[in-house]
PDB file of N, CA and C in Angstrom:
ATOM      1  N   UNK A   1     -10.236 -40.413 117.729  1.00  0.00           N
ATOM      2  CA  UNK A   1     -10.167 -40.053 119.267  1.00  0.00           C
ATOM      3  C   UNK A   1      -8.877 -39.563 119.719  1.00  0.00           C
ATOM      4  N   UNK A   2      -7.888 -40.162 119.263  1.00  0.00           N
ATOM      5  CA  UNK A   2      -6.540 -40.077 119.762  1.00  0.00           C
ATOM      6  C   UNK A   2      -5.985 -38.754 119.829  1.00  0.00           C
ATOM      7  N   UNK A   3      -6.207 -37.841 118.779  1.00  0.00           N
ATOM      8  CA  UNK A   3      -5.576 -36.529 118.847  1.00  0.00           C
ATOM      9  C   UNK A   3      -6.299 -35.722 119.621  1.00  0.00           C
ATOM     10  N   UNK A   4      -7.549 -36.078 119.935  1.00  0.00           N
ATOM     11  CA  UNK A   4      -8.551 -35.183 120.801  1.00  0.00           C
ATOM     12  C   UNK A   4      -8.266 -35.455 122.207  1.00  0.00           C
ATOM     13  N   UNK A   5      -7.418 -36.456 122.612  1.00  0.00           N
ATOM     14  CA  UNK A   5      -7.342 -36.994 123.889  1.00  0.00           C
ATOM     15  C   UNK A   5      -5.879 -36.331 124.544  1.00  0.00           C
ATOM     16  N   UNK A   6      -5.993 -35.674 125.554  1.00  0.00           N
ATOM     17  CA  UNK A   6      -4.854 -35.266 126.377  1.00  0.00           C
ATOM     18  C   UNK A   6      -4.650 -36.043 127.541  1.00  0.00           C
ATOM     19  N   UNK A   7      -3.453 -36.658 127.432  1.00  0.00           N
ATOM     20  CA  UNK A   7      -3.000 -37.528 128.457  1.00  0.00           C
ATOM     21  C   UNK A   7      -2.204 -36.837 129.507  1.00  0.00           C
ATOM     22  N   UNK A   8      -2.494 -37.108 130.906  1.00  0.00           N
ATOM     23  CA  UNK A   8      -1.715 -36.695 131.930  1.00  0.00           C
ATOM     24  C   UNK A   8      -0.514 -37.710 132.031  1.00  0.00           C
ATOM     25  N   UNK A   9       0.388 -37.211 132.954  1.00  0.00           N
ATOM     26  CA  UNK A   9       1.693 -37.809 133.086  1.00  0.00           C
ATOM     27  C   UNK A   9       1.348 -39.386 133.655  1.00  0.00           C
ATOM     28  N   UNK A  10       0.517 -39.414 134.643  1.00  0.00           N
ATOM     29  CA  UNK A  10       0.320 -40.728 135.179  1.00  0.00           C
ATOM     30  C   UNK A  10      -0.454 -41.661 134.215  1.00  0.00           C
ATOM     31  N   UNK A  11      -1.214 -40.990 133.392  1.00  0.00           N
ATOM     32  CA  UNK A  11      -1.977 -41.905 132.379  1.00  0.00           C
ATOM     33  C   UNK A  11      -1.041 -42.433 131.186  1.00  0.00           C
ATOM     34  N   UNK A  12      -0.038 -41.546 130.948  1.00  0.00           N
ATOM     35  CA  UNK A  12       0.934 -42.106 130.094  1.00  0.00           C
ATOM     36  C   UNK A  12       1.819 -43.023 130.598  1.00  0.00           C
ATOM     37  N   UNK A  13       2.162 -42.988 131.921  1.00  0.00           N
ATOM     38  CA  UNK A  13       2.944 -44.008 132.645  1.00  0.00           C
ATOM     39  C   UNK A  13       2.200 -45.442 132.618  1.00  0.00           C
ATOM     40  N   UNK A  14       0.795 -45.391 132.839  1.00  0.00           N
ATOM     41  CA  UNK A  14       0.055 -46.613 132.909  1.00  0.00           C
ATOM     42  C   UNK A  14       0.027 -47.123 131.516  1.00  0.00           C
ATOM     43  N   UNK A  15      -0.223 -46.269 130.430  1.00  0.00           N
ATOM     44  CA  UNK A  15      -0.300 -46.797 129.117  1.00  0.00           C
ATOM     45  C   UNK A  15       1.068 -47.438 128.707  1.00  0.00           C
ATOM     46  N   UNK A  16       2.200 -46.856 128.934  1.00  0.00           N
ATOM     47  CA  UNK A  16       3.384 -47.543 128.731  1.00  0.00           C
ATOM     48  C   UNK A  16       3.599 -48.798 129.552  1.00  0.00           C
ATOM     49  N   UNK A  17       3.001 -48.883 130.616  1.00  0.00           N
ATOM     50  CA  UNK A  17       3.198 -50.124 131.398  1.00  0.00           C
ATOM     51  C   UNK A  17       2.294 -51.155 130.787  1.00  0.00           C
ATOM     52  N   UNK A  18       1.118 -50.825 130.281  1.00  0.00           N
ATOM     53  CA  UNK A  18       0.367 -51.821 129.520  1.00  0.00           C
ATOM     54  C   UNK A  18       1.063 -52.432 128.414  1.00  0.00           C
ATOM     55  N   UNK A  19       1.822 -51.498 127.699  1.00  0.00           N
ATOM     56  CA  UNK A  19       2.627 -51.968 126.502  1.00  0.00           C
ATOM     57  C   UNK A  19       3.643 -52.928 127.009  1.00  0.00           C
ATOM     58  N   UNK A  20       4.245 -52.634 128.043  1.00  0.00           N
ATOM     59  CA  UNK A  20       5.423 -53.523 128.474  1.00  0.00           C
ATOM     60  C   UNK A  20       4.920 -54.798 129.031  1.00  0.00           C
ATOM     61  N   UNK A  21       3.670 -54.857 129.886  1.00  0.00           N
ATOM     62  CA  UNK A  21       3.198 -56.219 130.319  1.00  0.00           C
ATOM     63  C   UNK A  21       2.441 -56.929 129.362  1.00  0.00           C
ATOM     64  N   UNK A  22       1.972 -56.454 128.381  1.00  0.00           N
ATOM     65  CA  UNK A  22       1.212 -57.159 127.320  1.00  0.00           C
ATOM     66  C   UNK A  22       0.046 -57.889 128.066  1.00  0.00           C
ATOM     67  N   UNK A  23      -0.054 -59.101 127.871  1.00  0.00           N
ATOM     68  CA  UNK A  23      -1.206 -59.917 128.366  1.00  0.00           C
ATOM     69  C   UNK A  23      -1.242 -60.027 129.965  1.00  0.00           C
ATOM     70  N   UNK A  24      -0.283 -59.621 130.604  1.00  0.00           N
ATOM     71  CA  UNK A  24      -0.054 -59.829 131.951  1.00  0.00           C
ATOM     72  C   UNK A  24      -0.302 -58.568 132.782  1.00  0.00           C
ATOM     73  N   UNK A  25      -1.197 -57.643 132.224  1.00  0.00           N
ATOM     74  CA  UNK A  25      -1.266 -56.331 132.766  1.00  0.00           C
ATOM     75  C   UNK A  25      -2.706 -56.412 133.733  1.00  0.00           C
ATOM     76  N   UNK A  26      -2.492 -56.534 134.903  1.00  0.00           N
ATOM     77  CA  UNK A  26      -3.502 -56.588 135.782  1.00  0.00           C
ATOM     78  C   UNK A  26      -3.058 -55.643 136.987  1.00  0.00           C
ATOM     79  N   UNK A  27      -3.898 -55.166 137.788  1.00  0.00           N
ATOM     80  CA  UNK A  27      -3.709 -54.098 138.664  1.00  0.00           C
ATOM     81  C   UNK A  27      -2.333 -54.124 139.422  1.00  0.00           C
ATOM     82  N   UNK A  28      -2.227 -55.174 140.183  1.00  0.00           N
ATOM     83  CA  UNK A  28      -1.047 -55.124 140.998  1.00  0.00           C
ATOM     84  C   UNK A  28       0.361 -55.357 140.110  1.00  0.00           C
ATOM     85  N   UNK A  29       0.258 -55.997 139.042  1.00  0.00           N
ATOM     86  CA  UNK A  29       1.409 -56.204 138.190  1.00  0.00           C
ATOM     87  C   UNK A  29       1.704 -54.721 137.641  1.00  0.00           C
ATOM     88  N   UNK A  30       0.645 -53.957 137.325  1.00  0.00           N
ATOM     89  CA  UNK A  30       0.896 -52.697 136.716  1.00  0.00           C
ATOM     90  C   UNK A  30       1.515 -51.605 137.853  1.00  0.00           C
ATOM     91  N   UNK A  31       0.981 -51.807 139.047  1.00  0.00           N
ATOM     92  CA  UNK A  31       1.485 -51.049 140.128  1.00  0.00           C
ATOM     93  C   UNK A  31       2.952 -51.338 140.425  1.00  0.00           C
ATOM     94  N   UNK A  32       3.245 -52.622 140.501  1.00  0.00           N
ATOM     95  CA  UNK A  32       4.663 -52.899 140.918  1.00  0.00           C
ATOM     96  C   UNK A  32       5.577 -52.446 139.766  1.00  0.00           C
ATOM     97  N   UNK A  33       5.313 -52.653 138.530  1.00  0.00           N
ATOM     98  CA  UNK A  33       6.072 -52.083 137.455  1.00  0.00           C
ATOM     99  C   UNK A  33       6.185 -50.719 137.364  1.00  0.00           C
ATOM    100  N   UNK A  34       5.203 -49.829 137.878  1.00  0.00           N
ATOM    101  CA  UNK A  34       5.230 -48.480 137.798  1.00  0.00           C
ATOM    102  C   UNK A  34       6.222 -48.050 138.889  1.00  0.00           C
ATOM    103  N   UNK A  35       6.090 -48.776 140.194  1.00  0.00           N
ATOM    104  CA  UNK A  35       6.918 -48.443 141.209  1.00  0.00           C
ATOM    105  C   UNK A  35       8.402 -48.744 140.902  1.00  0.00           C
ATOM    106  N   UNK A  36       8.567 -49.851 140.232  1.00  0.00           N
ATOM    107  CA  UNK A  36      10.002 -50.242 139.879  1.00  0.00           C
ATOM    108  C   UNK A  36      10.554 -49.155 138.827  1.00  0.00           C
ATOM    109  N   UNK A  37       9.855 -48.966 137.914  1.00  0.00           N
ATOM    110  CA  UNK A  37      10.430 -47.933 137.009  1.00  0.00           C
ATOM    111  C   UNK A  37      10.493 -46.467 137.203  1.00  0.00           C
ATOM    112  N   UNK A  38       9.511 -45.916 138.101  1.00  0.00           N
ATOM    113  CA  UNK A  38       9.567 -44.559 138.519  1.00  0.00           C
ATOM    114  C   UNK A  38      10.292 -44.440 139.798  1.00  0.00           C
ATOM    115  N   UNK A  39      10.441 -45.355 140.520  1.00  0.00           N
ATOM    116  CA  UNK A  39      11.077 -45.145 142.020  1.00  0.00           C
ATOM    117  C   UNK A  39      10.161 -44.289 142.788  1.00  0.00           C
ATOM    118  N   UNK A  40       8.924 -44.333 142.575  1.00  0.00           N
ATOM    119  CA  UNK A  40       7.834 -43.637 143.336  1.00  0.00           C
ATOM    120  C   UNK A  40       6.812 -44.711 143.929  1.00  0.00           C
ATOM    121  N   UNK A  41       6.227 -44.309 145.026  1.00  0.00           N
ATOM    122  CA  UNK A  41       5.292 -45.022 145.685  1.00  0.00           C
ATOM    123  C   UNK A  41       3.948 -44.824 144.853  1.00  0.00           C
ATOM    124  N   UNK A  42       3.241 -45.867 144.415  1.00  0.00           N
ATOM    125  CA  UNK A  42       2.065 -45.707 143.736  1.00  0.00           C
ATOM    126  C   UNK A  42       1.072 -46.398 144.459  1.00  0.00           C
ATOM    127  N   UNK A  43      -0.100 -45.821 144.579  1.00  0.00           N
ATOM    128  CA  UNK A  43      -1.355 -46.538 145.318  1.00  0.00           C
ATOM    129  C   UNK A  43      -2.227 -47.245 144.246  1.00  0.00           C
ATOM    130  N   UNK A  44      -2.605 -48.410 144.771  1.00  0.00           N
ATOM    131  CA  UNK A  44      -3.512 -49.264 143.792  1.00  0.00           C
ATOM    132  C   UNK A  44      -4.698 -48.530 143.427  1.00  0.00           C
ATOM    133  N   UNK A  45      -5.219 -47.792 144.359  1.00  0.00           N
ATOM    134  CA  UNK A  45      -6.417 -46.994 144.047  1.00  0.00           C
ATOM    135  C   UNK A  45      -6.210 -45.975 142.816  1.00  0.00           C
ATOM    136  N   UNK A  46      -4.967 -45.372 142.838  1.00  0.00           N
ATOM    137  CA  UNK A  46      -4.614 -44.484 141.727  1.00  0.00           C
ATOM    138  C   UNK A  46      -4.503 -45.255 140.385  1.00  0.00           C
ATOM    139  N   UNK A  47      -4.020 -46.344 140.616  1.00  0.00           N
ATOM    140  CA  UNK A  47      -3.915 -47.159 139.335  1.00  0.00           C
ATOM    141  C   UNK A  47      -5.281 -47.606 138.855  1.00  0.00           C
ATOM    142  N   UNK A  48      -6.141 -48.012 139.582  1.00  0.00           N
ATOM    143  CA  UNK A  48      -7.498 -48.468 139.219  1.00  0.00           C
ATOM    144  C   UNK A  48      -8.384 -47.166 138.684  1.00  0.00           C
ATOM    145  N   UNK A  49      -8.196 -46.135 139.328  1.00  0.00           N
ATOM    146  CA  UNK A  49      -8.877 -44.965 138.821  1.00  0.00           C
ATOM    147  C   UNK A  49      -8.538 -44.456 137.530  1.00  0.00           C
ATOM    148  N   UNK A  50      -7.201 -44.525 137.307  1.00  0.00           N
ATOM    149  CA  UNK A  50      -6.573 -44.169 136.017  1.00  0.00           C
ATOM    150  C   UNK A  50      -6.999 -45.119 135.034  1.00  0.00           C
ATOM    151  N   UNK A  51      -6.852 -46.446 135.256  1.00  0.00           N
ATOM    152  CA  UNK A  51      -7.447 -47.523 134.186  1.00  0.00           C
ATOM    153  C   UNK A  51      -8.868 -47.192 133.870  1.00  0.00           C
ATOM    154  N   UNK A  52      -9.724 -47.037 134.905  1.00  0.00           N
ATOM    155  CA  UNK A  52     -11.186 -46.814 134.649  1.00  0.00           C
ATOM    156  C   UNK A  52     -11.308 -45.527 133.784  1.00  0.00           C
ATOM    157  N   UNK A  53     -10.648 -44.507 134.019  1.00  0.00           N
ATOM    158  CA  UNK A  53     -10.697 -43.258 133.262  1.00  0.00           C
ATOM    159  C   UNK A  53     -10.265 -43.511 131.716  1.00  0.00           C
ATOM    160  N   UNK A  54      -9.129 -44.266 131.614  1.00  0.00           N
ATOM    161  CA  UNK A  54      -8.627 -44.680 130.259  1.00  0.00           C
ATOM    162  C   UNK A  54      -9.552 -45.498 129.474  1.00  0.00           C
ATOM    163  N   UNK A  55     -10.278 -46.384 130.380  1.00  0.00           N
ATOM    164  CA  UNK A  55     -11.248 -47.374 129.656  1.00  0.00           C
ATOM    165  C   UNK A  55     -12.568 -46.417 129.277  1.00  0.00           C
ATOM    166  N   UNK A  56     -12.777 -45.461 130.080  1.00  0.00           N
ATOM    167  CA  UNK A  56     -14.009 -44.670 129.823  1.00  0.00           C
ATOM    168  C   UNK A  56     -13.681 -43.697 128.484  1.00  0.00           C
ATOM    169  N   UNK A  57     -12.489 -43.447 128.296  1.00  0.00           N
ATOM    170  CA  UNK A  57     -12.085 -42.619 127.048  1.00  0.00           C
ATOM    171  C   UNK A  57     -11.855 -43.583 125.837  1.00  0.00           C
ATOM    172  N   UNK A  58     -11.971 -44.975 125.956  1.00  0.00           N
ATOM    173  CA  UNK A  58     -11.849 -45.960 124.860  1.00  0.00           C
ATOM    174  C   UNK A  58     -10.325 -46.103 124.377  1.00  0.00           C
ATOM    175  N   UNK A  59      -9.433 -45.743 125.611  1.00  0.00           N
ATOM    176  CA  UNK A  59      -8.098 -46.056 125.198  1.00  0.00           C
ATOM    177  C   UNK A  59      -7.487 -47.443 125.711  1.00  0.00           C
ATOM    178  N   UNK A  60      -8.394 -48.079 126.565  1.00  0.00           N
ATOM    179  CA  UNK A  60      -7.864 -49.361 127.198  1.00  0.00           C
ATOM    180  C   UNK A  60      -9.352 -50.220 127.239  1.00  0.00           C
ATOM    181  N   UNK A  61      -8.982 -51.339 127.237  1.00  0.00           N
ATOM    182  CA  UNK A  61     -10.255 -52.431 127.563  1.00  0.00           C
ATOM    183  C   UNK A  61      -9.784 -53.283 128.649  1.00  0.00           C
ATOM    184  N   UNK A  62     -10.758 -54.070 129.233  1.00  0.00           N
ATOM    185  CA  UNK A  62     -10.429 -54.928 130.275  1.00  0.00           C
ATOM    186  C   UNK A  62     -11.264 -56.136 130.068  1.00  0.00           C
ATOM    187  N   UNK A  63     -10.819 -57.219 130.685  1.00  0.00           N
ATOM    188  CA  UNK A  63     -11.515 -58.530 130.725  1.00  0.00           C
ATOM    189  C   UNK A  63     -11.218 -59.085 132.001  1.00  0.00           C
ATOM    190  N   UNK A  64     -12.132 -59.946 132.407  1.00  0.00           N
ATOM    191  CA  UNK A  64     -11.923 -60.798 133.699  1.00  0.00           C
ATOM    192  C   UNK A  64     -11.033 -61.962 133.307  1.00  0.00           C
ATOM    193  N   UNK A  65     -10.172 -62.352 134.270  1.00  0.00           N
ATOM    194  CA  UNK A  65      -9.442 -63.600 134.086  1.00  0.00           C
ATOM    195  C   UNK A  65     -10.209 -64.645 134.926  1.00  0.00           C
ATOM    196  N   UNK A  66      -9.472 -65.843 135.075  1.00  0.00           N
ATOM    197  CA  UNK A  66     -10.048 -66.831 135.892  1.00  0.00           C
ATOM    198  C   UNK A  66     -10.201 -66.560 137.286  1.00  0.00           C
ATOM    199  N   UNK A  67     -11.217 -66.955 137.968  1.00  0.00           N
ATOM    200  CA  UNK A  67     -11.314 -66.867 139.431  1.00  0.00           C
ATOM    201  C   UNK A  67     -10.290 -67.945 140.052  1.00  0.00           C
ATOM    202  N   UNK A  68      -9.495 -67.504 141.083  1.00  0.00           N
ATOM    203  CA  UNK A  68      -8.622 -68.542 141.701  1.00  0.00           C
ATOM    204  C   UNK A  68      -8.794 -68.418 143.264  1.00  0.00           C
ATOM    205  N   UNK A  69      -8.495 -69.681 143.894  1.00  0.00           N
ATOM    206  CA  UNK A  69      -8.640 -69.963 145.130  1.00  0.00           C
ATOM    207  C   UNK A  69      -7.832 -68.955 145.915  1.00  0.00           C
ATOM    208  N   UNK A  70      -6.582 -68.563 145.495  1.00  0.00           N
ATOM    209  CA  UNK A  70      -5.746 -67.892 146.285  1.00  0.00           C
ATOM    210  C   UNK A  70      -6.144 -66.340 146.334  1.00  0.00           C
ATOM    211  N   UNK A  71      -7.051 -65.975 145.396  1.00  0.00           N
ATOM    212  CA  UNK A  71      -7.810 -64.701 145.599  1.00  0.00           C
ATOM    213  C   UNK A  71      -9.084 -64.746 146.012  1.00  0.00           C
ATOM    214  N   UNK A  72      -9.400 -65.897 146.931  1.00  0.00           N
ATOM    215  CA  UNK A  72     -10.758 -65.963 147.488  1.00  0.00           C
ATOM    216  C   UNK A  72     -11.757 -66.216 146.448  1.00  0.00           C
ATOM    217  N   UNK A  73     -11.508 -66.836 145.318  1.00  0.00           N
ATOM    218  CA  UNK A  73     -12.605 -67.000 144.346  1.00  0.00           C
ATOM    219  C   UNK A  73     -12.707 -65.862 143.357  1.00  0.00           C
ATOM    220  N   UNK A  74     -11.987 -64.757 143.507  1.00  0.00           N
ATOM    221  CA  UNK A  74     -12.086 -63.571 142.699  1.00  0.00           C
ATOM    222  C   UNK A  74     -11.298 -63.602 141.502  1.00  0.00           C
ATOM    223  N   UNK A  75     -11.631 -63.043 140.340  1.00  0.00           N
ATOM    224  CA  UNK A  75     -10.833 -63.077 139.200  1.00  0.00           C
ATOM    225  C   UNK A  75     -10.186 -61.806 139.056  1.00  0.00           C
ATOM    226  N   UNK A  76      -8.881 -61.817 138.486  1.00  0.00           N
ATOM    227  CA  UNK A  76      -8.050 -60.675 138.154  1.00  0.00           C
ATOM    228  C   UNK A  76      -8.854 -59.967 136.968  1.00  0.00           C
ATOM    229  N   UNK A  77      -8.628 -58.659 136.812  1.00  0.00           N
ATOM    230  CA  UNK A  77      -9.045 -58.005 135.819  1.00  0.00           C
ATOM    231  C   UNK A  77      -7.923 -57.509 135.002  1.00  0.00           C
ATOM    232  N   UNK A  78      -7.760 -57.967 133.717  1.00  0.00           N
ATOM    233  CA  UNK A  78      -6.692 -57.740 132.814  1.00  0.00           C
ATOM    234  C   UNK A  78      -7.128 -56.575 131.861  1.00  0.00           C
ATOM    235  N   UNK A  79      -6.000 -55.691 131.620  1.00  0.00           N
ATOM    236  CA  UNK A  79      -6.172 -54.693 130.712  1.00  0.00           C
ATOM    237  C   UNK A  79      -5.432 -54.814 129.628  1.00  0.00           C
ATOM    238  N   UNK A  80      -5.833 -54.128 128.494  1.00  0.00           N
ATOM    239  CA  UNK A  80      -5.253 -53.988 127.074  1.00  0.00           C
ATOM    240  C   UNK A  80      -5.309 -52.692 126.607  1.00  0.00           C
ATOM    241  N   UNK A  81      -4.151 -52.127 125.884  1.00  0.00           N
ATOM    242  CA  UNK A  81      -4.096 -50.842 125.431  1.00  0.00           C
ATOM    243  C   UNK A  81      -4.754 -51.066 123.812  1.00  0.00           C
ATOM    244  N   UNK A  82      -5.611 -50.217 123.579  1.00  0.00           N
ATOM    245  CA  UNK A  82      -6.256 -50.374 122.220  1.00  0.00           C
ATOM    246  C   UNK A  82      -5.628 -49.516 121.219  1.00  0.00           C
ATOM    247  N   UNK A  83      -6.003 -49.545 120.019  1.00  0.00           N
ATOM    248  CA  UNK A  83      -5.310 -48.695 118.952  1.00  0.00           C
ATOM    249  C   UNK A  83      -5.537 -47.161 119.184  1.00  0.00           C
ATOM    250  N   UNK A  84      -6.725 -46.824 119.747  1.00  0.00           N
ATOM    251  CA  UNK A  84      -6.714 -45.331 120.236  1.00  0.00           C
ATOM    252  C   UNK A  84      -5.820 -44.994 121.268  1.00  0.00           C
ATOM    253  N   UNK A  85      -5.549 -45.959 122.155  1.00  0.00           N
ATOM    254  CA  UNK A  85      -4.548 -45.599 123.360  1.00  0.00           C
ATOM    255  C   UNK A  85      -3.125 -45.554 122.698  1.00  0.00           C
ATOM    256  N   UNK A  86      -2.706 -46.398 121.866  1.00  0.00           N
ATOM    257  CA  UNK A  86      -1.467 -46.324 121.081  1.00  0.00           C
ATOM    258  C   UNK A  86      -1.243 -44.967 120.454  1.00  0.00           C
ATOM    259  N   UNK A  87      -2.379 -44.547 119.670  1.00  0.00           N
ATOM    260  CA  UNK A  87      -2.331 -43.265 119.078  1.00  0.00           C
ATOM    261  C   UNK A  87      -2.161 -42.106 119.989  1.00  0.00           C
ATOM    262  N   UNK A  88      -2.896 -42.207 121.034  1.00  0.00           N
ATOM    263  CA  UNK A  88      -2.876 -41.020 122.110  1.00  0.00           C
ATOM    264  C   UNK A  88      -1.540 -40.937 122.553  1.00  0.00           C
ATOM    265  N   UNK A  89      -0.959 -42.200 122.861  1.00  0.00           N
ATOM    266  CA  UNK A  89       0.401 -42.252 123.596  1.00  0.00           C
ATOM    267  C   UNK A  89       1.567 -41.775 122.540  1.00  0.00           C
ATOM    268  N   UNK A  90       1.364 -42.210 121.282  1.00  0.00           N
ATOM    269  CA  UNK A  90       2.435 -41.453 120.209  1.00  0.00           C
ATOM    270  C   UNK A  90       2.154 -40.117 120.156  1.00  0.00           C
ATOM    271  N   UNK A  91       0.868 -39.547 120.095  1.00  0.00           N
ATOM    272  CA  UNK A  91       0.681 -38.073 119.959  1.00  0.00           C
ATOM    273  C   UNK A  91       1.251 -37.430 121.245  1.00  0.00           C
ATOM    274  N   UNK A  92       1.168 -37.809 122.355  1.00  0.00           N
ATOM    275  CA  UNK A  92       1.661 -37.375 123.533  1.00  0.00           C
ATOM    276  C   UNK A  92       3.094 -37.211 123.485  1.00  0.00           C
ATOM    277  N   UNK A  93       3.757 -38.286 122.879  1.00  0.00           N
ATOM    278  CA  UNK A  93       5.121 -38.457 122.749  1.00  0.00           C
ATOM    279  C   UNK A  93       5.633 -37.161 121.820  1.00  0.00           C
ATOM    280  N   UNK A  94       4.836 -37.193 120.723  1.00  0.00           N
ATOM    281  CA  UNK A  94       5.478 -36.188 119.792  1.00  0.00           C
ATOM    282  C   UNK A  94       5.199 -34.696 120.401  1.00  0.00           C
ATOM    283  N   UNK A  95       4.150 -34.451 121.099  1.00  0.00           N
ATOM    284  CA  UNK A  95       4.008 -33.190 121.710  1.00  0.00           C
ATOM    285  C   UNK A  95       5.168 -32.945 122.683  1.00  0.00           C
ATOM    286  N   UNK A  96       5.379 -33.880 123.454  1.00  0.00           N
ATOM    287  CA  UNK A  96       6.651 -33.655 124.418  1.00  0.00           C
ATOM    288  C   UNK A  96       7.865 -33.490 123.692  1.00  0.00           C
ATOM    289  N   UNK A  97       8.234 -34.203 122.621  1.00  0.00           N
ATOM    290  CA  UNK A  97       9.446 -34.095 121.881  1.00  0.00           C
ATOM    291  C   UNK A  97       9.414 -32.526 121.217  1.00  0.00           C
ATOM    292  N   UNK A  98       8.456 -32.106 120.805  1.00  0.00           N
ATOM    293  CA  UNK A  98       8.400 -30.762 120.218  1.00  0.00           C
ATOM    294  C   UNK A  98       8.623 -29.743 121.298  1.00  0.00           C
ATOM    295  N   UNK A  99       8.185 -29.962 122.384  1.00  0.00           N
ATOM    296  CA  UNK A  99       8.159 -29.018 123.570  1.00  0.00           C
ATOM    297  C   UNK A  99       9.732 -28.971 123.930  1.00  0.00           C
ATOM    298  N   UNK A 100      10.415 -30.109 124.088  1.00  0.00           N
ATOM    299  CA  UNK A 100      11.637 -30.138 124.519  1.00  0.00           C
ATOM    300  C   UNK A 100      12.795 -29.890 123.432  1.00  0.00           C
ATOM    301  N   UNK A 101      12.299 -29.693 122.118  1.00  0.00           N
ATOM    302  CA  UNK A 101      13.272 -29.481 121.053  1.00  0.00           C
ATOM    303  C   UNK A 101      13.991 -28.195 121.396  1.00  0.00           C
ATOM    304  N   UNK A 102      15.273 -28.129 121.324  1.00  0.00           N
ATOM    305  CA  UNK A 102      16.150 -27.007 121.607  1.00  0.00           C
ATOM    306  C   UNK A 102      16.218 -26.383 122.926  1.00  0.00           C
ATOM    307  N   UNK A 103      15.509 -27.063 123.836  1.00  0.00           N
ATOM    308  CA  UNK A 103      15.479 -26.634 125.280  1.00  0.00           C
ATOM    309  C   UNK A 103      16.401 -27.221 125.996  1.00  0.00           C
ATOM    310  N   UNK A 104      17.290 -26.402 126.678  1.00  0.00           N
ATOM    311  CA  UNK A 104      18.438 -26.814 127.641  1.00  0.00           C
ATOM    312  C   UNK A 104      18.226 -26.083 128.911  1.00  0.00           C
ATOM    313  N   UNK A 105      17.451 -26.704 129.767  1.00  0.00           N
ATOM    314  CA  UNK A 105      17.168 -26.185 131.174  1.00  0.00           C
ATOM    315  C   UNK A 105      18.620 -25.892 131.736  1.00  0.00           C
ATOM    316  N   UNK A 106      18.705 -24.818 132.420  1.00  0.00           N
ATOM    317  CA  UNK A 106      19.905 -24.593 133.323  1.00  0.00           C
ATOM    318  C   UNK A 106      19.493 -24.395 134.643  1.00  0.00           C
ATOM    319  N   UNK A 107      20.214 -24.818 135.681  1.00  0.00           N
ATOM    320  CA  UNK A 107      19.933 -24.564 137.158  1.00  0.00           C
ATOM    321  C   UNK A 107      19.465 -23.008 137.325  1.00  0.00           C
ATOM    322  N   UNK A 108      18.727 -22.921 138.316  1.00  0.00           N
ATOM    323  CA  UNK A 108      18.298 -21.544 138.561  1.00  0.00           C
ATOM    324  C   UNK A 108      19.536 -20.904 139.411  1.00  0.00           C
ATOM    325  N   UNK A 109      19.645 -19.606 139.186  1.00  0.00           N
ATOM    326  CA  UNK A 109      20.749 -19.011 139.951  1.00  0.00           C
ATOM    327  C   UNK A 109      20.220 -18.061 141.116  1.00  0.00           C
ATOM    328  N   UNK A 110      20.812 -18.017 142.117  1.00  0.00           N
ATOM    329  CA  UNK A 110      20.462 -17.081 143.088  1.00  0.00           C
ATOM    330  C   UNK A 110      20.116 -17.626 144.424  1.00  0.00           C
TER     331      UNK A 110
END
């Protein structure tokens, strides 16, 4: 599946974040890490929509955590990158490296 999967920029960022967070990858932690690293505002809805899309593609899986009183009895949903997700991420990196190879953008004149 990996080489047949085209990842958008935000999908790549989310997958990179799952790699960084390992077993602590749940919605708000993913959002905070993305905002920290990209210096951009990220909506939690965009994070969950992307995670659902990546899960539908078979690139990530999720599991419920333990319900906690601080969350009103609700459980966090933890996400994990799967082998197909790692492959898709590595494939995307190779494509970008090839695209950038030898390219030295200059500021526009005029």
